[in-house]
Amino acid sequence: MSAVQDLFAQGSHAFTDEDYELALDFYSQAITLNSSHPEIFLKRSTTYQKLGKDQEAYDDAIKALALVQENPSADKDFEAKALLRKGVAAFHLQDYATAKAALETCHTINPELRTLSQWMRKVDQEYAKLPKPAVTTEAATASTAPTTTLTPAPAAPAAPAPAPASAPVSEESSAAPIASPAAIAAAAAQPTTPSVHRVRHEWYQNDSFVTISVFIKNAKKDNVDIQITERALSVSVKMPTGSDYSLELEPLSHAIDPAESQFEVLSTKIEIRLKKQRIAVKWGALEGEDVHAGSMATTASAAATPSYPSSSRRGPKDWDALDREAAKDEDKAEGDKALNQLFSQIYKDADDDTKRAMMKSFTESNGTCLSTNWGEVSKGTVETRPPEGMIAKK
């Protein structure tokens, strides 16, 4: 395997683990060694998008598309993917005219491309809101090209009439510069880059469902658009602040049943439940290739208690470990066993915030602290607090 291939593989692995900063570093190193691979630019474009760097995502999509179109023997399906990536990146820049043109061209090449129809619908909705036809990024560039026009010499201008004494011109108004028509047109054509809103999402699973929580408060159901297919999830939300949020998971690491999947808009979050096609398969990743897939526990208690990952970077965690630890130690006092069972029952019946608080406090404190207060636990790392007279092991 060459150095470029190795860096690309490491970047893809980091991307699957949702470590996008690390993935970006690997992809950038690969491009430094060889900048002729459109696939690397395409993957880096997607990574930039995940990090909220929309202009960089668009620039890489353009580079990938140019490399494909310069190669007569290039796969047409790959060109379609590059056009789709360009359209998605332009959408995030709110350049809906460019996005529409790219997606329509993509449709002529491969109308069956996954998620294309969803993105065309999104772009059409936004494009329809424009007061007049927008100037695309390419058209804006072309319109600024120098041209030569022969025109007759203008007649000498007449001397301006003196201003009436009763209407003096203020210093402020006379000093204000007047923008040229070209400058106004260029400003209008420049796509607006929205401010980045970091929205947290987490997921956990049980035998039958993968549940994804997108933490947006006070979202209105009419402003939430969720599209679920067998291997893709698309979430679009008009935020209460007026900005747009988009979460695109494609491809999902495993197939789901769209008909049995559902979502709910709550006051604190949007909760999406994806029905697994393969029951009891434990997902090791939410998106991309899953190299850590395994089997969920088949006992009744395991089926009732979900395994719990954080944002999936380290993979799923199973709260049933608390029960197993209690069962291993037969010599412990009955009171300790009963307490562990009580904690397990509390976790089973708790809401998501309580579960996160219990998992975070128990893990970060090395088992010396268990809190159900997410508002307090979320503020920082929970310190190890050994019982009085004891010393925590390093």
Foldseek 3Di string as FASTA:
>chain_A
DDLLVVLQVVLQVLVLLVVLVSSLVSLVVSCVVPVLALVSLQVNLVSCVSVLNLVSSLVSLVSSLVSQVVDPPHDLLVNLSSLQSNLVSCVLLVQLLSNLVSLVVSCVSPVPPPCSVVSNVVSVVSCVPDPDHAQHPVNLVVVPDDDDDDDDDDDDDDDDDDDDPVDDDDPVVVPDDDDDPNVVSNVRNDRHNDDDDDWDKFWWDAQWKIKIKIFAAPFDPVQWDWDDDQFKIWIWGQHPVRDIDIDIAPGFQATFDVVPKDWDDDRGTIMTITTGPRGQWFALGGHDHGPPIDGFDDDPVRRLFIFGDGRSSRGTHGPCVLVVVLVVDPPDDPVVNVVSVVVVVCLSPDDPLQVVQQVQQCVQQVNQDGDSDSVVPVPDHHHHDDPPPDDDDD
